[in-house]
């Protein structure tokens, strides 16, 4: 007898976001695909998505949190495939910087607007006649009567920022820096200002009395703005690969959880500061981090009071 009702399938083991959520039902299963990772991730993801379709099941909803390459390119690989149709994709949550008139122009191939990769994905979605929906703070989306998706961010004002005038932020820790929890916790927080990240879709997905928080690459101010009271969640995907510019103690306090996932395994991801905050605010919690991340090194085991679990493409997290 199964003791879980949700499977979170990681579709990437790199420094990128891509997850397939399988919601187990008595009559039928439901699926939500969140981001696609890098293009190389999309090839592996397509195999897993194909298995869903081969079982005569559908992806009920696809959520593209924002158009950074490590989120959108894998979706391009998936949507370019002939197996993806309006019959097996229920809809896409995708905040494009286009007016309705501009979207119609793309549909008619009269013009193109926005970022190259995001615009290409938009064209594929429209060509396949798949429904596309906007997601802003305060809106919600439902799949049948038992799945609720509450949009926490972005605000409309964040979406209105000119997506062409964004600046790069220097994310990462100095590789010569050593992990020292006490000194790290004294650092003054500086928030990420990159418009694509600020305008990321953030959602709370509820099913079978369980709640999952998916944050894209969003920032604390956007998320905290929308939720006034603390809300415990069963699963918390840490924003932006564990960047110190996208996490605060207030955010961790607002959404306490026993289980976290950080899709970061470069030398600088997740940042030392982020791990120090988790160690302080959620000690002994389980934290899924891709294989190859520095957090799995033996030299940190006695210095960090967290249970790190390595994952790769195709790993399953059960709730």
C-alpha atoms as a PDB file:
ATOM      1  CA  UNK A   1       0.000   0.000   0.000  1.00  0.00           C
ATOM      2  CA  UNK A   2       1.511   3.328  -1.046  1.00  0.00           C
ATOM      3  CA  UNK A   3       2.150   5.856   1.703  1.00  0.00           C
ATOM      4  CA  UNK A   4       2.663   8.814  -0.617  1.00  0.00           C
ATOM      5  CA  UNK A   5       0.501  10.677  -3.130  1.00  0.00           C
ATOM      6  CA  UNK A   6       3.044  12.956  -4.829  1.00  0.00           C
ATOM      7  CA  UNK A   7       6.204  12.235  -6.807  1.00  0.00           C
ATOM      8  CA  UNK A   8       8.538  15.101  -7.692  1.00  0.00           C
ATOM      9  CA  UNK A   9      10.731  13.861 -10.549  1.00  0.00           C
ATOM     10  CA  UNK A  10      13.940  15.832 -11.080  1.00  0.00           C
ATOM     11  CA  UNK A  11      14.606  16.231 -14.801  1.00  0.00           C
ATOM     12  CA  UNK A  12      18.064  17.755 -14.437  1.00  0.00           C
ATOM     13  CA  UNK A  13      21.194  17.089 -12.414  1.00  0.00           C
ATOM     14  CA  UNK A  14      22.870  20.295 -13.572  1.00  0.00           C
ATOM     15  CA  UNK A  15      22.707  23.891 -12.404  1.00  0.00           C
ATOM     16  CA  UNK A  16      19.208  24.305 -13.870  1.00  0.00           C
ATOM     17  CA  UNK A  17      15.530  23.937 -12.974  1.00  0.00           C
ATOM     18  CA  UNK A  18      13.237  21.222 -14.355  1.00  0.00           C
ATOM     19  CA  UNK A  19      10.682  19.171 -12.432  1.00  0.00           C
ATOM     20  CA  UNK A  20       7.776  16.900 -13.295  1.00  0.00           C
ATOM     21  CA  UNK A  21       5.215  16.618 -10.508  1.00  0.00           C
ATOM     22  CA  UNK A  22       3.112  13.450 -10.569  1.00  0.00           C
ATOM     23  CA  UNK A  23      -0.061  13.642  -8.477  1.00  0.00           C
ATOM     24  CA  UNK A  24      -1.406  10.148  -7.864  1.00  0.00           C
ATOM     25  CA  UNK A  25      -5.174   9.776  -8.127  1.00  0.00           C
ATOM     26  CA  UNK A  26      -7.601   6.887  -7.670  1.00  0.00           C
ATOM     27  CA  UNK A  27      -9.001   7.276 -11.185  1.00  0.00           C
ATOM     28  CA  UNK A  28      -6.184   9.060 -13.014  1.00  0.00           C
ATOM     29  CA  UNK A  29      -2.860  10.719 -12.313  1.00  0.00           C
ATOM     30  CA  UNK A  30      -2.203  14.392 -12.944  1.00  0.00           C
ATOM     31  CA  UNK A  31       1.075  15.937 -14.067  1.00  0.00           C
ATOM     32  CA  UNK A  32       2.597  19.413 -13.784  1.00  0.00           C
ATOM     33  CA  UNK A  33       5.854  20.221 -15.597  1.00  0.00           C
ATOM     34  CA  UNK A  34       7.796  23.156 -14.110  1.00  0.00           C
ATOM     35  CA  UNK A  35      10.569  24.615 -16.288  1.00  0.00           C
ATOM     36  CA  UNK A  36      12.747  22.665 -18.696  1.00  0.00           C
ATOM     37  CA  UNK A  37      16.335  23.299 -17.663  1.00  0.00           C
ATOM     38  CA  UNK A  38      19.027  23.547 -20.333  1.00  0.00           C
ATOM     39  CA  UNK A  39      18.602  22.139 -23.840  1.00  0.00           C
ATOM     40  CA  UNK A  40      20.594  19.032 -22.930  1.00  0.00           C
ATOM     41  CA  UNK A  41      18.202  18.423 -20.036  1.00  0.00           C
ATOM     42  CA  UNK A  42      15.265  18.589 -22.444  1.00  0.00           C
ATOM     43  CA  UNK A  43      16.409  15.489 -24.319  1.00  0.00           C
ATOM     44  CA  UNK A  44      16.288  13.388 -21.146  1.00  0.00           C
ATOM     45  CA  UNK A  45      13.063  15.087 -20.067  1.00  0.00           C
ATOM     46  CA  UNK A  46      11.423  14.207 -23.371  1.00  0.00           C
ATOM     47  CA  UNK A  47      12.014  10.514 -22.646  1.00  0.00           C
ATOM     48  CA  UNK A  48      10.206  10.820 -19.312  1.00  0.00           C
ATOM     49  CA  UNK A  49       7.410  12.931 -20.804  1.00  0.00           C
ATOM     50  CA  UNK A  50       7.045  10.363 -23.615  1.00  0.00           C
ATOM     51  CA  UNK A  51       6.455   7.661 -21.003  1.00  0.00           C
ATOM     52  CA  UNK A  52       3.549   9.724 -19.661  1.00  0.00           C
ATOM     53  CA  UNK A  53       2.026  10.045 -23.127  1.00  0.00           C
ATOM     54  CA  UNK A  54       2.621   6.358 -23.919  1.00  0.00           C
ATOM     55  CA  UNK A  55       0.529   5.502 -20.847  1.00  0.00           C
ATOM     56  CA  UNK A  56      -2.338   7.511 -22.371  1.00  0.00           C
ATOM     57  CA  UNK A  57      -1.851  10.242 -19.771  1.00  0.00           C
ATOM     58  CA  UNK A  58      -1.428  13.985 -20.279  1.00  0.00           C
ATOM     59  CA  UNK A  59       0.615  16.841 -18.841  1.00  0.00           C
ATOM     60  CA  UNK A  60      -2.155  18.905 -17.283  1.00  0.00           C
ATOM     61  CA  UNK A  61      -0.085  22.064 -16.914  1.00  0.00           C
ATOM     62  CA  UNK A  62       3.337  23.391 -17.891  1.00  0.00           C
ATOM     63  CA  UNK A  63       4.761  26.311 -15.888  1.00  0.00           C
ATOM     64  CA  UNK A  64       7.634  28.369 -17.292  1.00  0.00           C
ATOM     65  CA  UNK A  65       8.701  30.536 -14.366  1.00  0.00           C
ATOM     66  CA  UNK A  66      10.776  32.905 -16.551  1.00  0.00           C
ATOM     67  CA  UNK A  67      12.877  32.925 -19.714  1.00  0.00           C
ATOM     68  CA  UNK A  68      16.429  32.486 -18.434  1.00  0.00           C
ATOM     69  CA  UNK A  69      18.246  29.892 -20.554  1.00  0.00           C
ATOM     70  CA  UNK A  70      18.521  27.349 -17.737  1.00  0.00           C
ATOM     71  CA  UNK A  71      14.728  27.264 -17.473  1.00  0.00           C
ATOM     72  CA  UNK A  72      13.432  27.738 -21.031  1.00  0.00           C
ATOM     73  CA  UNK A  73      15.844  25.913 -23.352  1.00  0.00           C
ATOM     74  CA  UNK A  74      14.868  22.426 -22.212  1.00  0.00           C
ATOM     75  CA  UNK A  75      11.213  23.260 -22.819  1.00  0.00           C
ATOM     76  CA  UNK A  76      12.148  24.199 -26.381  1.00  0.00           C
ATOM     77  CA  UNK A  77      13.523  20.679 -26.878  1.00  0.00           C
ATOM     78  CA  UNK A  78      10.276  19.215 -25.571  1.00  0.00           C
ATOM     79  CA  UNK A  79       7.867  21.457 -27.496  1.00  0.00           C
ATOM     80  CA  UNK A  80       9.814  21.037 -30.738  1.00  0.00           C
ATOM     81  CA  UNK A  81       8.935  17.335 -30.653  1.00  0.00           C
ATOM     82  CA  UNK A  82       5.983  16.131 -32.728  1.00  0.00           C
ATOM     83  CA  UNK A  83       4.737  14.072 -29.793  1.00  0.00           C
ATOM     84  CA  UNK A  84       3.727  17.269 -27.949  1.00  0.00           C
ATOM     85  CA  UNK A  85       0.249  18.405 -29.026  1.00  0.00           C
ATOM     86  CA  UNK A  86      -2.782  20.249 -27.713  1.00  0.00           C
ATOM     87  CA  UNK A  87      -4.250  16.808 -26.971  1.00  0.00           C
ATOM     88  CA  UNK A  88      -1.647  15.954 -24.331  1.00  0.00           C
ATOM     89  CA  UNK A  89      -0.721  19.392 -22.917  1.00  0.00           C
ATOM     90  CA  UNK A  90      -3.536  21.000 -20.941  1.00  0.00           C
ATOM     91  CA  UNK A  91      -2.070  24.497 -20.924  1.00  0.00           C
ATOM     92  CA  UNK A  92       1.002  26.623 -20.223  1.00  0.00           C
ATOM     93  CA  UNK A  93       1.507  29.283 -17.550  1.00  0.00           C
ATOM     94  CA  UNK A  94       3.909  31.653 -19.289  1.00  0.00           C
ATOM     95  CA  UNK A  95       4.265  35.403 -18.734  1.00  0.00           C
ATOM     96  CA  UNK A  96       5.291  36.750 -22.123  1.00  0.00           C
ATOM     97  CA  UNK A  97       6.124  40.470 -22.564  1.00  0.00           C
ATOM     98  CA  UNK A  98       3.589  40.802 -25.363  1.00  0.00           C
ATOM     99  CA  UNK A  99       0.203  42.421 -25.695  1.00  0.00           C
ATOM    100  CA  UNK A 100      -2.686  40.390 -27.086  1.00  0.00           C
ATOM    101  CA  UNK A 101      -2.191  42.116 -30.447  1.00  0.00           C
ATOM    102  CA  UNK A 102       1.498  41.152 -30.483  1.00  0.00           C
ATOM    103  CA  UNK A 103       0.678  37.535 -29.646  1.00  0.00           C
ATOM    104  CA  UNK A 104      -1.743  37.439 -32.570  1.00  0.00           C
ATOM    105  CA  UNK A 105       0.993  38.883 -34.770  1.00  0.00           C
ATOM    106  CA  UNK A 106       3.357  36.091 -33.730  1.00  0.00           C
ATOM    107  CA  UNK A 107       0.598  33.579 -34.462  1.00  0.00           C
ATOM    108  CA  UNK A 108       0.281  35.072 -37.945  1.00  0.00           C
ATOM    109  CA  UNK A 109       4.099  35.162 -38.289  1.00  0.00           C
ATOM    110  CA  UNK A 110       3.916  38.887 -39.009  1.00  0.00           C
ATOM    111  CA  UNK A 111       6.445  39.866 -36.332  1.00  0.00           C
ATOM    112  CA  UNK A 112       8.348  38.628 -33.321  1.00  0.00           C
ATOM    113  CA  UNK A 113       8.708  40.265 -29.925  1.00  0.00           C
ATOM    114  CA  UNK A 114      10.595  39.585 -26.703  1.00  0.00           C
ATOM    115  CA  UNK A 115      13.545  37.347 -25.978  1.00  0.00           C
ATOM    116  CA  UNK A 116      14.734  34.980 -28.681  1.00  0.00           C
ATOM    117  CA  UNK A 117      14.203  31.724 -26.759  1.00  0.00           C
ATOM    118  CA  UNK A 118      10.979  32.814 -25.052  1.00  0.00           C
ATOM    119  CA  UNK A 119       9.578  34.045 -28.339  1.00  0.00           C
ATOM    120  CA  UNK A 120      10.483  30.766 -30.063  1.00  0.00           C
ATOM    121  CA  UNK A 121       8.693  28.816 -27.342  1.00  0.00           C
ATOM    122  CA  UNK A 122       5.673  31.109 -27.648  1.00  0.00           C
ATOM    123  CA  UNK A 123       5.550  30.497 -31.394  1.00  0.00           C
ATOM    124  CA  UNK A 124       5.658  26.714 -30.864  1.00  0.00           C
ATOM    125  CA  UNK A 125       2.870  26.862 -28.281  1.00  0.00           C
ATOM    126  CA  UNK A 126       0.666  28.948 -30.566  1.00  0.00           C
ATOM    127  CA  UNK A 127       1.418  26.808 -33.622  1.00  0.00           C
ATOM    128  CA  UNK A 128       0.287  23.721 -31.703  1.00  0.00           C
ATOM    129  CA  UNK A 129      -2.871  25.537 -30.476  1.00  0.00           C
ATOM    130  CA  UNK A 130      -1.984  24.927 -26.831  1.00  0.00           C
ATOM    131  CA  UNK A 131      -3.675  27.196 -24.308  1.00  0.00           C
ATOM    132  CA  UNK A 132      -1.472  29.852 -22.713  1.00  0.00           C
ATOM    133  CA  UNK A 133      -2.280  31.591 -19.428  1.00  0.00           C
ATOM    134  CA  UNK A 134      -0.818  34.578 -17.598  1.00  0.00           C
ATOM    135  CA  UNK A 135       0.181  34.232 -13.942  1.00  0.00           C
ATOM    136  CA  UNK A 136       0.330  37.195 -11.551  1.00  0.00           C
ATOM    137  CA  UNK A 137       0.202  37.485  -7.778  1.00  0.00           C
ATOM    138  CA  UNK A 138      -3.305  36.809  -6.486  1.00  0.00           C
ATOM    139  CA  UNK A 139      -4.430  34.640  -9.392  1.00  0.00           C
ATOM    140  CA  UNK A 140      -5.030  30.900  -9.169  1.00  0.00           C
ATOM    141  CA  UNK A 141      -5.340  27.847 -11.374  1.00  0.00           C
ATOM    142  CA  UNK A 142      -7.138  24.574 -10.718  1.00  0.00           C
ATOM    143  CA  UNK A 143      -6.878  21.105 -12.207  1.00  0.00           C
ATOM    144  CA  UNK A 144     -10.228  19.385 -11.721  1.00  0.00           C
ATOM    145  CA  UNK A 145     -11.388  19.795  -8.127  1.00  0.00           C
ATOM    146  CA  UNK A 146      -8.418  18.461  -6.209  1.00  0.00           C
ATOM    147  CA  UNK A 147      -5.380  20.439  -7.374  1.00  0.00           C
ATOM    148  CA  UNK A 148      -4.999  24.107  -6.490  1.00  0.00           C
ATOM    149  CA  UNK A 149      -2.203  26.350  -7.764  1.00  0.00           C
ATOM    150  CA  UNK A 150      -1.955  29.689  -5.976  1.00  0.00           C
ATOM    151  CA  UNK A 151       0.216  32.290  -7.689  1.00  0.00           C
ATOM    152  CA  UNK A 152       2.321  34.146  -5.099  1.00  0.00           C
ATOM    153  CA  UNK A 153       4.463  36.186  -7.505  1.00  0.00           C
ATOM    154  CA  UNK A 154       5.211  38.122  -9.656  1.00  0.00           C
ATOM    155  CA  UNK A 155       3.352  41.364  -9.123  1.00  0.00           C
ATOM    156  CA  UNK A 156       2.045  43.166 -12.174  1.00  0.00           C
ATOM    157  CA  UNK A 157       4.587  45.947 -11.614  1.00  0.00           C
ATOM    158  CA  UNK A 158       7.435  43.402 -11.773  1.00  0.00           C
ATOM    159  CA  UNK A 159       6.103  42.160 -15.103  1.00  0.00           C
ATOM    160  CA  UNK A 160       5.960  45.719 -16.414  1.00  0.00           C
ATOM    161  CA  UNK A 161       9.715  46.171 -16.070  1.00  0.00           C
ATOM    162  CA  UNK A 162      11.408  46.446 -19.449  1.00  0.00           C
ATOM    163  CA  UNK A 163      12.908  43.005 -19.996  1.00  0.00           C
ATOM    164  CA  UNK A 164      15.538  44.369 -22.325  1.00  0.00           C
ATOM    165  CA  UNK A 165      17.123  46.605 -19.679  1.00  0.00           C
ATOM    166  CA  UNK A 166      18.260  44.092 -17.124  1.00  0.00           C
ATOM    167  CA  UNK A 167      21.668  43.999 -15.543  1.00  0.00           C
ATOM    168  CA  UNK A 168      23.728  40.949 -14.690  1.00  0.00           C
ATOM    169  CA  UNK A 169      24.290  40.273 -11.017  1.00  0.00           C
ATOM    170  CA  UNK A 170      27.466  38.741  -9.739  1.00  0.00           C
ATOM    171  CA  UNK A 171      26.057  35.639  -8.099  1.00  0.00           C
ATOM    172  CA  UNK A 172      28.322  33.251  -6.256  1.00  0.00           C
ATOM    173  CA  UNK A 173      30.846  33.052  -3.463  1.00  0.00           C
ATOM    174  CA  UNK A 174      34.549  33.668  -3.721  1.00  0.00           C
ATOM    175  CA  UNK A 175      36.007  30.213  -4.146  1.00  0.00           C
ATOM    176  CA  UNK A 176      38.816  31.035  -1.701  1.00  0.00           C
ATOM    177  CA  UNK A 177      36.224  31.835   0.960  1.00  0.00           C
ATOM    178  CA  UNK A 178      35.744  29.247   3.695  1.00  0.00           C
ATOM    179  CA  UNK A 179      32.433  28.170   5.209  1.00  0.00           C
ATOM    180  CA  UNK A 180      31.987  29.948   8.540  1.00  0.00           C
ATOM    181  CA  UNK A 181      28.375  29.977   9.678  1.00  0.00           C
ATOM    182  CA  UNK A 182      28.738  32.705  12.305  1.00  0.00           C
ATOM    183  CA  UNK A 183      30.395  35.229   9.998  1.00  0.00           C
ATOM    184  CA  UNK A 184      28.107  34.360   7.083  1.00  0.00           C
ATOM    185  CA  UNK A 185      24.993  35.080   9.149  1.00  0.00           C
ATOM    186  CA  UNK A 186      26.312  38.589   9.863  1.00  0.00           C
ATOM    187  CA  UNK A 187      26.325  39.483   6.162  1.00  0.00           C
ATOM    188  CA  UNK A 188      23.908  42.215   5.101  1.00  0.00           C
ATOM    189  CA  UNK A 189      21.450  40.906   2.535  1.00  0.00           C
ATOM    190  CA  UNK A 190      21.445  42.488  -0.933  1.00  0.00           C
ATOM    191  CA  UNK A 191      18.529  41.476  -3.160  1.00  0.00           C
ATOM    192  CA  UNK A 192      18.785  40.356  -6.776  1.00  0.00           C
ATOM    193  CA  UNK A 193      17.468  43.034  -9.173  1.00  0.00           C
ATOM    194  CA  UNK A 194      17.610  41.180 -12.490  1.00  0.00           C
ATOM    195  CA  UNK A 195      14.144  41.712 -14.038  1.00  0.00           C
ATOM    196  CA  UNK A 196      13.751  38.141 -15.313  1.00  0.00           C
ATOM    197  CA  UNK A 197      14.304  36.849 -11.789  1.00  0.00           C
ATOM    198  CA  UNK A 198      12.150  39.465 -10.063  1.00  0.00           C
ATOM    199  CA  UNK A 199       9.307  38.577 -12.453  1.00  0.00           C
ATOM    200  CA  UNK A 200       9.573  34.792 -11.938  1.00  0.00           C
ATOM    201  CA  UNK A 201       6.347  32.887 -11.373  1.00  0.00           C
ATOM    202  CA  UNK A 202       6.098  31.608  -7.793  1.00  0.00           C
ATOM    203  CA  UNK A 203       3.337  29.163  -6.912  1.00  0.00           C
ATOM    204  CA  UNK A 204       1.959  27.094  -4.070  1.00  0.00           C
ATOM    205  CA  UNK A 205       0.651  23.765  -5.371  1.00  0.00           C
ATOM    206  CA  UNK A 206      -1.828  21.980  -3.083  1.00  0.00           C
ATOM    207  CA  UNK A 207      -2.940  18.363  -3.430  1.00  0.00           C
ATOM    208  CA  UNK A 208      -4.085  15.728  -0.929  1.00  0.00           C
ATOM    209  CA  UNK A 209      -3.519  18.062   2.062  1.00  0.00           C
ATOM    210  CA  UNK A 210       0.093  18.649   0.985  1.00  0.00           C
ATOM    211  CA  UNK A 211       1.595  21.931  -0.175  1.00  0.00           C
ATOM    212  CA  UNK A 212       4.653  22.521  -2.368  1.00  0.00           C
ATOM    213  CA  UNK A 213       6.337  25.889  -2.905  1.00  0.00           C
ATOM    214  CA  UNK A 214       8.077  26.425  -6.251  1.00  0.00           C
ATOM    215  CA  UNK A 215       9.934  29.726  -6.479  1.00  0.00           C
ATOM    216  CA  UNK A 216      11.715  29.892  -9.845  1.00  0.00           C
ATOM    217  CA  UNK A 217      14.489  32.487  -9.521  1.00  0.00           C
ATOM    218  CA  UNK A 218      12.312  34.952  -7.609  1.00  0.00           C
ATOM    219  CA  UNK A 219      13.301  37.299  -4.786  1.00  0.00           C
ATOM    220  CA  UNK A 220      12.112  37.500  -1.162  1.00  0.00           C
ATOM    221  CA  UNK A 221      10.362  40.876  -1.503  1.00  0.00           C
ATOM    222  CA  UNK A 222       8.070  39.534  -4.244  1.00  0.00           C
ATOM    223  CA  UNK A 223       7.182  36.385  -2.317  1.00  0.00           C
ATOM    224  CA  UNK A 224       6.786  37.950   1.134  1.00  0.00           C
ATOM    225  CA  UNK A 225       4.575  40.715  -0.263  1.00  0.00           C
ATOM    226  CA  UNK A 226       1.828  38.264  -1.126  1.00  0.00           C
ATOM    227  CA  UNK A 227       1.681  36.141   2.036  1.00  0.00           C
ATOM    228  CA  UNK A 228       0.998  37.812   5.368  1.00  0.00           C
ATOM    229  CA  UNK A 229       0.934  34.859   7.770  1.00  0.00           C
ATOM    230  CA  UNK A 230       3.443  31.984   8.056  1.00  0.00           C
ATOM    231  CA  UNK A 231       2.453  28.982   5.977  1.00  0.00           C
ATOM    232  CA  UNK A 232       4.052  25.599   6.518  1.00  0.00           C
ATOM    233  CA  UNK A 233       4.824  23.658   3.340  1.00  0.00           C
ATOM    234  CA  UNK A 234       5.812  20.045   2.748  1.00  0.00           C
ATOM    235  CA  UNK A 235       8.361  20.951   0.072  1.00  0.00           C
ATOM    236  CA  UNK A 236      10.272  24.188  -0.629  1.00  0.00           C
ATOM    237  CA  UNK A 237      12.283  24.722  -3.818  1.00  0.00           C
ATOM    238  CA  UNK A 238      14.896  27.341  -2.867  1.00  0.00           C
ATOM    239  CA  UNK A 239      15.088  30.237  -5.394  1.00  0.00           C
ATOM    240  CA  UNK A 240      17.819  30.735  -8.002  1.00  0.00           C
ATOM    241  CA  UNK A 241      20.107  27.748  -7.369  1.00  0.00           C
ATOM    242  CA  UNK A 242      20.673  28.847  -3.771  1.00  0.00           C
ATOM    243  CA  UNK A 243      21.952  32.334  -4.563  1.00  0.00           C
ATOM    244  CA  UNK A 244      22.481  34.519  -1.507  1.00  0.00           C
ATOM    245  CA  UNK A 245      20.740  37.365  -3.338  1.00  0.00           C
ATOM    246  CA  UNK A 246      17.454  35.437  -3.470  1.00  0.00           C
ATOM    247  CA  UNK A 247      17.037  34.169   0.110  1.00  0.00           C
ATOM    248  CA  UNK A 248      16.449  35.704   3.546  1.00  0.00           C
ATOM    249  CA  UNK A 249      15.745  34.401   7.028  1.00  0.00           C
ATOM    250  CA  UNK A 250      12.277  35.994   6.773  1.00  0.00           C
ATOM    251  CA  UNK A 251      11.477  33.886   3.718  1.00  0.00           C
ATOM    252  CA  UNK A 252      12.480  30.672   5.493  1.00  0.00           C
ATOM    253  CA  UNK A 253      10.462  31.673   8.558  1.00  0.00           C
ATOM    254  CA  UNK A 254       7.381  32.462   6.452  1.00  0.00           C
ATOM    255  CA  UNK A 255       7.384  29.008   4.815  1.00  0.00           C
ATOM    256  CA  UNK A 256       8.786  26.476   7.324  1.00  0.00           C
ATOM    257  CA  UNK A 257       9.440  23.071   5.759  1.00  0.00           C
ATOM    258  CA  UNK A 258      11.143  19.759   6.586  1.00  0.00           C
ATOM    259  CA  UNK A 259      12.232  19.284   2.967  1.00  0.00           C
ATOM    260  CA  UNK A 260      14.118  21.586   0.583  1.00  0.00           C
ATOM    261  CA  UNK A 261      15.561  21.324  -2.904  1.00  0.00           C
ATOM    262  CA  UNK A 262      18.363  23.501  -4.279  1.00  0.00           C
ATOM    263  CA  UNK A 263      19.126  22.965  -8.001  1.00  0.00           C
ATOM    264  CA  UNK A 264      22.714  24.178  -7.813  1.00  0.00           C
ATOM    265  CA  UNK A 265      25.998  22.328  -8.339  1.00  0.00           C
ATOM    266  CA  UNK A 266      28.485  24.848  -9.709  1.00  0.00           C
ATOM    267  CA  UNK A 267      31.449  25.807  -7.534  1.00  0.00           C
ATOM    268  CA  UNK A 268      29.497  28.850  -6.366  1.00  0.00           C
ATOM    269  CA  UNK A 269      26.067  27.257  -5.991  1.00  0.00           C
ATOM    270  CA  UNK A 270      24.464  27.026  -3.567  1.00  0.00           C
ATOM    271  CA  UNK A 271      26.079  30.011  -1.858  1.00  0.00           C
ATOM    272  CA  UNK A 272      27.603  29.486   1.588  1.00  0.00           C
ATOM    273  CA  UNK A 273      25.261  32.182   2.963  1.00  0.00           C
ATOM    274  CA  UNK A 274      22.165  30.265   1.837  1.00  0.00           C
ATOM    275  CA  UNK A 275      23.343  27.059   3.492  1.00  0.00           C
ATOM    276  CA  UNK A 276      24.198  28.947   6.692  1.00  0.00           C
ATOM    277  CA  UNK A 277      20.657  30.399   6.763  1.00  0.00           C
ATOM    278  CA  UNK A 278      19.098  26.964   6.275  1.00  0.00           C
ATOM    279  CA  UNK A 279      21.334  25.530   8.986  1.00  0.00           C
ATOM    280  CA  UNK A 280      20.195  28.303  11.331  1.00  0.00           C
ATOM    281  CA  UNK A 281      16.465  28.363  10.493  1.00  0.00           C
ATOM    282  CA  UNK A 282      15.786  24.739   9.520  1.00  0.00           C
ATOM    283  CA  UNK A 283      18.386  22.553  11.280  1.00  0.00           C
ATOM    284  CA  UNK A 284      18.217  18.799  10.653  1.00  0.00           C
ATOM    285  CA  UNK A 285      15.985  19.270   7.611  1.00  0.00           C
ATOM    286  CA  UNK A 286      16.510  17.278   4.420  1.00  0.00           C
ATOM    287  CA  UNK A 287      18.002  19.206   1.493  1.00  0.00           C
ATOM    288  CA  UNK A 288      18.138  17.758  -2.016  1.00  0.00           C
ATOM    289  CA  UNK A 289      21.104  19.095  -4.024  1.00  0.00           C
ATOM    290  CA  UNK A 290      22.397  17.751  -7.390  1.00  0.00           C
ATOM    291  CA  UNK A 291      25.300  15.338  -7.386  1.00  0.00           C
ATOM    292  CA  UNK A 292      28.625  17.113  -7.750  1.00  0.00           C
ATOM    293  CA  UNK A 293      27.719  20.018  -5.484  1.00  0.00           C
ATOM    294  CA  UNK A 294      30.250  21.151  -2.891  1.00  0.00           C
ATOM    295  CA  UNK A 295      27.714  20.424  -0.098  1.00  0.00           C
ATOM    296  CA  UNK A 296      28.348  16.686  -0.520  1.00  0.00           C
ATOM    297  CA  UNK A 297      32.079  17.011   0.242  1.00  0.00           C
ATOM    298  CA  UNK A 298      33.194  15.119   3.354  1.00  0.00           C
ATOM    299  CA  UNK A 299      34.921  18.155   4.853  1.00  0.00           C
ATOM    300  CA  UNK A 300      31.575  19.885   5.478  1.00  0.00           C
ATOM    301  CA  UNK A 301      29.702  16.987   7.096  1.00  0.00           C
ATOM    302  CA  UNK A 302      30.618  17.880  10.679  1.00  0.00           C
ATOM    303  CA  UNK A 303      30.140  21.615  10.150  1.00  0.00           C
ATOM    304  CA  UNK A 304      26.624  21.796   8.725  1.00  0.00           C
ATOM    305  CA  UNK A 305      23.601  20.433  10.603  1.00  0.00           C
ATOM    306  CA  UNK A 306      21.576  19.533   7.508  1.00  0.00           C
ATOM    307  CA  UNK A 307      20.884  16.208   5.820  1.00  0.00           C
ATOM    308  CA  UNK A 308      22.021  16.594   2.198  1.00  0.00           C
ATOM    309  CA  UNK A 309      20.638  14.145  -0.366  1.00  0.00           C
ATOM    310  CA  UNK A 310      22.208  13.864  -3.808  1.00  0.00           C
ATOM    311  CA  UNK A 311      19.919  13.726  -6.837  1.00  0.00           C
ATOM    312  CA  UNK A 312      20.298  13.292 -10.588  1.00  0.00           C
ATOM    313  CA  UNK A 313      18.038  13.371 -13.641  1.00  0.00           C
ATOM    314  CA  UNK A 314      15.184  10.946 -13.017  1.00  0.00           C
ATOM    315  CA  UNK A 315      15.410  10.944  -9.208  1.00  0.00           C
ATOM    316  CA  UNK A 316      12.058  10.803  -7.414  1.00  0.00           C
ATOM    317  CA  UNK A 317      11.111  12.645  -4.243  1.00  0.00           C
ATOM    318  CA  UNK A 318       8.043  11.174  -2.533  1.00  0.00           C
ATOM    319  CA  UNK A 319       5.585  13.178  -0.441  1.00  0.00           C
END
